[in-house]
Amino acid sequence: MPIFEDDCYADLIWDGRRPPSLYAMSERGGVIHIGSFSKSIAPALRVGYIVATWDVLCRILALKTDAGSGALEQMVLAEFCARHFTEHVPKLTHALRTKLDALMDALGEHFGTAAEFDEPRGGIFLWVKLPDAVDTPKLAQAALAAGVAINPGPEWSTHKAHGKSRLRLCFASPSTQAIREGIAVLAEVCRREFGVPERIANVERRARA
């Protein structure tokens, strides 16, 4: 059975040590490796790639129905990557890490231990567990009305009940100030709609370097 490996976030690692891909570890060529530059360079740059053995690629090409990415975008991307990619990624991950810290600090300030999360090693999302009384699909509607967009857990989980009180927060696009303001608004909506206490406990989540 072939494995489709979507590896678009692998460059966004805080320590810079990109984990080995499944494709690189496969001895029998049973992995189809899929990547994209929309996360590492620009969201509007819709250029991706596939790495696979030719016997697999030739069958995929036969199913291709669109015209593909524009040649100009691919040429610009190729020139940028050759000259700047290795220095661009560390700058990007540093900026993302700064935003993640702002997000985690804001959650601690406005939710206390009512918001549970594990610090990710990279990427652009933070998964957050709220008290069981919170229904995140309903929270998403109320928060959006207040100007804050979130991803409710059931839409991003294979287990709908497990995701009911969980949400996924993207910290890539907003500024650190917008992140802090957004979490303050989200906490107020949670208190108003679901009775989430202002602070369950004051707990230091992690030691700062």
Protein backbone atom coordinates (compact mmCIF):
# COMPACT_ATOMS: atom_id res chain seq x y z
CA MET A 1 0.00 0.00 0.00
CA PRO A 2 1.56 3.35 -0.98
CA ILE A 3 2.02 6.07 1.63
CA PHE A 4 1.30 9.70 0.72
CA GLU A 5 3.64 11.90 2.76
CA ASP A 6 2.54 15.54 2.92
CA ASP A 7 5.71 17.24 4.15
CA CYS A 8 4.95 20.95 3.67
CA TYR A 9 5.88 21.95 7.25
CA ALA A 10 9.17 20.08 7.60
CA ASP A 11 11.33 23.19 7.10
CA LEU A 12 9.51 25.10 9.86
CA ILE A 13 11.38 23.53 12.78
CA TRP A 14 12.68 25.71 15.62
CA ASP A 15 16.04 23.97 16.02
CA GLY A 16 16.66 23.86 12.26
CA ARG A 17 17.10 20.09 12.20
CA ARG A 18 14.70 18.94 9.52
CA PRO A 19 13.46 15.44 10.37
CA PRO A 20 14.15 12.69 7.82
CA SER A 21 11.27 12.09 5.46
CA LEU A 22 9.48 8.77 5.18
CA TYR A 23 10.51 8.76 1.52
CA ALA A 24 14.19 8.92 2.50
CA MET A 25 13.74 6.05 4.95
CA SER A 26 11.76 3.85 2.57
CA GLU A 27 13.80 0.96 1.19
CA ARG A 28 11.16 -0.27 -1.27
CA GLY A 29 10.02 3.02 -2.79
CA GLY A 30 6.51 2.73 -1.38
CA VAL A 31 6.29 6.41 -0.35
CA ILE A 32 4.99 9.29 -2.49
CA HIS A 33 6.51 12.47 -1.07
CA ILE A 34 4.48 15.68 -1.52
CA GLY A 35 5.75 19.15 -0.70
CA SER A 36 4.82 22.79 -1.14
CA PHE A 37 6.39 26.25 -0.94
CA SER A 38 3.17 27.94 0.20
CA LYS A 39 4.17 27.58 3.88
CA SER A 40 7.90 28.24 3.65
CA ILE A 41 7.91 31.14 1.16
CA ALA A 42 4.49 32.63 0.34
CA PRO A 43 0.87 31.44 0.80
CA ALA A 44 -0.16 32.76 -2.63
CA LEU A 45 2.68 30.92 -4.36
CA ARG A 46 0.75 27.77 -5.21
CA VAL A 47 3.69 25.67 -6.33
CA GLY A 48 4.12 22.14 -5.06
CA TYR A 49 6.07 19.06 -6.03
CA ILE A 50 5.98 15.28 -5.92
CA VAL A 51 8.92 12.96 -5.36
CA ALA A 52 8.35 9.33 -6.26
CA THR A 53 9.76 6.55 -8.38
CA TRP A 54 9.13 6.88 -12.10
CA ASP A 55 6.75 3.92 -12.27
CA VAL A 56 4.51 5.82 -9.83
CA LEU A 57 5.02 9.27 -11.37
CA CYS A 58 4.10 8.16 -14.87
CA ARG A 59 0.76 6.86 -13.60
CA ILE A 60 0.09 10.10 -11.67
CA LEU A 61 0.90 12.25 -14.71
CA ALA A 62 -1.67 10.35 -16.73
CA LEU A 63 -4.34 11.48 -14.23
CA LYS A 64 -3.37 15.14 -14.29
CA THR A 65 -6.27 17.29 -15.51
CA ASP A 66 -5.24 20.91 -14.87
CA ALA A 67 -2.73 23.12 -16.66
CA GLY A 68 -0.31 23.10 -13.76
CA SER A 69 1.50 26.00 -12.06
CA GLY A 70 2.51 28.91 -14.24
CA ALA A 71 6.02 28.85 -15.69
CA LEU A 72 6.76 32.37 -14.40
CA GLU A 73 6.01 31.42 -10.79
CA GLN A 74 8.23 28.36 -11.07
CA MET A 75 11.10 30.40 -12.58
CA VAL A 76 10.86 33.05 -9.84
CA LEU A 77 10.76 30.34 -7.18
CA ALA A 78 13.77 28.53 -8.64
CA GLU A 79 15.84 31.73 -8.69
CA PHE A 80 14.82 32.69 -5.15
CA CYS A 81 15.53 29.25 -3.69
CA ALA A 82 18.96 29.00 -5.31
CA ARG A 83 20.06 32.33 -3.85
CA HIS A 84 18.10 32.85 -0.64
CA PHE A 85 16.30 29.75 0.68
CA THR A 86 18.96 28.63 3.16
CA GLU A 87 19.07 32.06 4.80
CA HIS A 88 15.33 32.69 4.48
CA VAL A 89 14.16 29.67 6.48
CA PRO A 90 15.99 30.52 9.76
CA LYS A 91 14.57 34.05 9.64
CA LEU A 92 11.09 32.66 9.03
CA THR A 93 11.26 30.12 11.85
CA HIS A 94 12.58 32.77 14.25
CA ALA A 95 9.61 35.01 13.43
CA LEU A 96 7.18 32.12 13.83
CA ARG A 97 8.74 31.11 17.15
CA THR A 98 8.32 34.68 18.42
CA LYS A 99 4.63 34.59 17.49
CA LEU A 100 4.18 31.19 19.14
CA ASP A 101 5.69 32.53 22.37
CA ALA A 102 3.28 35.49 22.24
CA LEU A 103 0.36 33.10 21.72
CA MET A 104 1.32 30.80 24.60
CA ASP A 105 1.95 33.74 26.92
CA ALA A 106 -1.44 35.24 26.05
CA LEU A 107 -3.20 31.93 26.69
CA GLY A 108 -1.51 31.67 30.07
CA GLU A 109 -2.44 35.25 30.94
CA HIS A 110 -6.10 35.07 29.94
CA PHE A 111 -6.97 31.41 30.50
CA GLY A 112 -4.54 30.11 33.12
CA THR A 113 -4.73 26.32 33.20
CA ALA A 114 -8.18 26.39 31.57
CA ALA A 115 -6.23 26.21 28.29
CA GLU A 116 -4.04 23.12 27.98
CA PHE A 117 -1.50 22.66 25.21
CA ASP A 118 1.82 21.05 24.35
CA GLU A 119 4.49 23.33 22.95
CA PRO A 120 5.07 22.32 19.30
CA ARG A 121 8.55 21.82 17.84
CA GLY A 122 7.65 23.78 14.74
CA GLY A 123 4.90 24.58 12.25
CA ILE A 124 2.27 27.31 12.31
CA PHE A 125 -0.46 25.85 14.56
CA LEU A 126 -1.08 25.34 18.27
CA TRP A 127 -3.62 22.77 19.45
CA VAL A 128 -5.46 23.91 22.58
CA LYS A 129 -7.71 21.93 24.93
CA LEU A 130 -10.38 23.96 26.72
CA PRO A 131 -12.69 22.75 29.52
CA ASP A 132 -15.11 20.01 28.49
CA ALA A 133 -18.08 22.38 28.67
CA VAL A 134 -16.76 24.32 25.68
CA ASP A 135 -18.17 23.35 22.30
CA THR A 136 -15.58 24.71 19.87
CA PRO A 137 -17.83 24.69 16.75
CA LYS A 138 -20.23 26.97 18.67
CA LEU A 139 -17.27 28.91 20.07
CA ALA A 140 -15.99 29.46 16.52
CA GLN A 141 -19.25 31.15 15.51
CA ALA A 142 -19.36 33.37 18.59
CA ALA A 143 -15.68 34.24 18.28
CA LEU A 144 -16.02 35.10 14.59
CA ALA A 145 -18.86 37.48 15.44
CA ALA A 146 -16.40 39.17 17.82
CA GLY A 147 -13.73 39.38 15.12
CA VAL A 148 -11.59 36.32 15.97
CA ALA A 149 -11.29 33.30 13.66
CA ILE A 150 -10.39 29.86 15.07
CA ASN A 151 -10.35 26.30 13.74
CA PRO A 152 -12.76 24.13 15.80
CA GLY A 153 -11.28 20.77 16.73
CA PRO A 154 -13.90 18.45 15.19
CA GLU A 155 -13.07 19.81 11.72
CA TRP A 156 -9.42 18.77 12.15
CA SER A 157 -9.72 15.53 14.08
CA THR A 158 -10.59 11.97 13.10
CA HIS A 159 -12.49 11.68 16.40
CA LYS A 160 -15.28 14.27 16.54
CA ALA A 161 -16.02 13.79 20.24
CA HIS A 162 -12.34 14.11 21.09
CA GLY A 163 -12.12 17.38 19.18
CA LYS A 164 -15.28 18.92 20.68
CA SER A 165 -13.47 21.04 23.28
CA ARG A 166 -10.27 21.45 21.28
CA LEU A 167 -9.27 24.09 18.76
CA ARG A 168 -6.42 24.80 16.40
CA LEU A 169 -4.93 28.29 16.43
CA CYS A 170 -2.83 29.53 13.51
CA PHE A 171 -0.14 32.03 14.51
CA ALA A 172 1.58 32.51 11.13
CA SER A 173 -0.22 35.55 9.72
CA PRO A 174 -1.23 37.82 12.67
CA SER A 175 1.23 40.16 14.36
CA THR A 176 2.19 39.48 17.97
CA GLN A 177 -0.02 42.39 19.02
CA ALA A 178 -2.98 41.00 17.08
CA ILE A 179 -2.38 37.58 18.66
CA ARG A 180 -2.48 39.03 22.19
CA GLU A 181 -5.59 41.07 21.45
CA GLY A 182 -7.29 38.11 19.78
CA ILE A 183 -6.70 35.77 22.71
CA ALA A 184 -8.08 38.40 25.11
CA VAL A 185 -11.26 38.57 23.02
CA LEU A 186 -11.45 34.77 22.74
CA ALA A 187 -11.18 34.42 26.53
CA GLU A 188 -13.99 36.91 27.03
CA VAL A 189 -16.20 35.01 24.57
CA CYS A 190 -15.44 31.73 26.39
CA ARG A 191 -16.41 33.25 29.72
CA ARG A 192 -19.59 34.74 28.33
CA GLU A 193 -20.76 31.75 26.29
CA PHE A 194 -19.52 28.78 28.32
CA GLY A 195 -18.74 30.05 31.79
CA VAL A 196 -15.02 29.36 31.52
CA PRO A 197 -13.49 30.89 34.67
CA GLU A 198 -11.15 33.82 34.28
CA ARG A 199 -8.32 31.81 35.75
CA ILE A 200 -8.37 28.26 37.11
CA ALA A 201 -4.87 28.42 38.51
CA ASN A 202 -1.63 30.31 38.19
CA VAL A 203 0.82 27.75 36.92
CA GLU A 204 4.17 28.42 35.31
CA ARG A 205 3.99 26.29 32.13
CA ARG A 206 7.64 26.36 31.18
CA ALA A 207 10.97 27.79 32.21
CA ARG A 208 12.09 30.62 29.97
CA ALA A 209 15.64 30.57 28.67
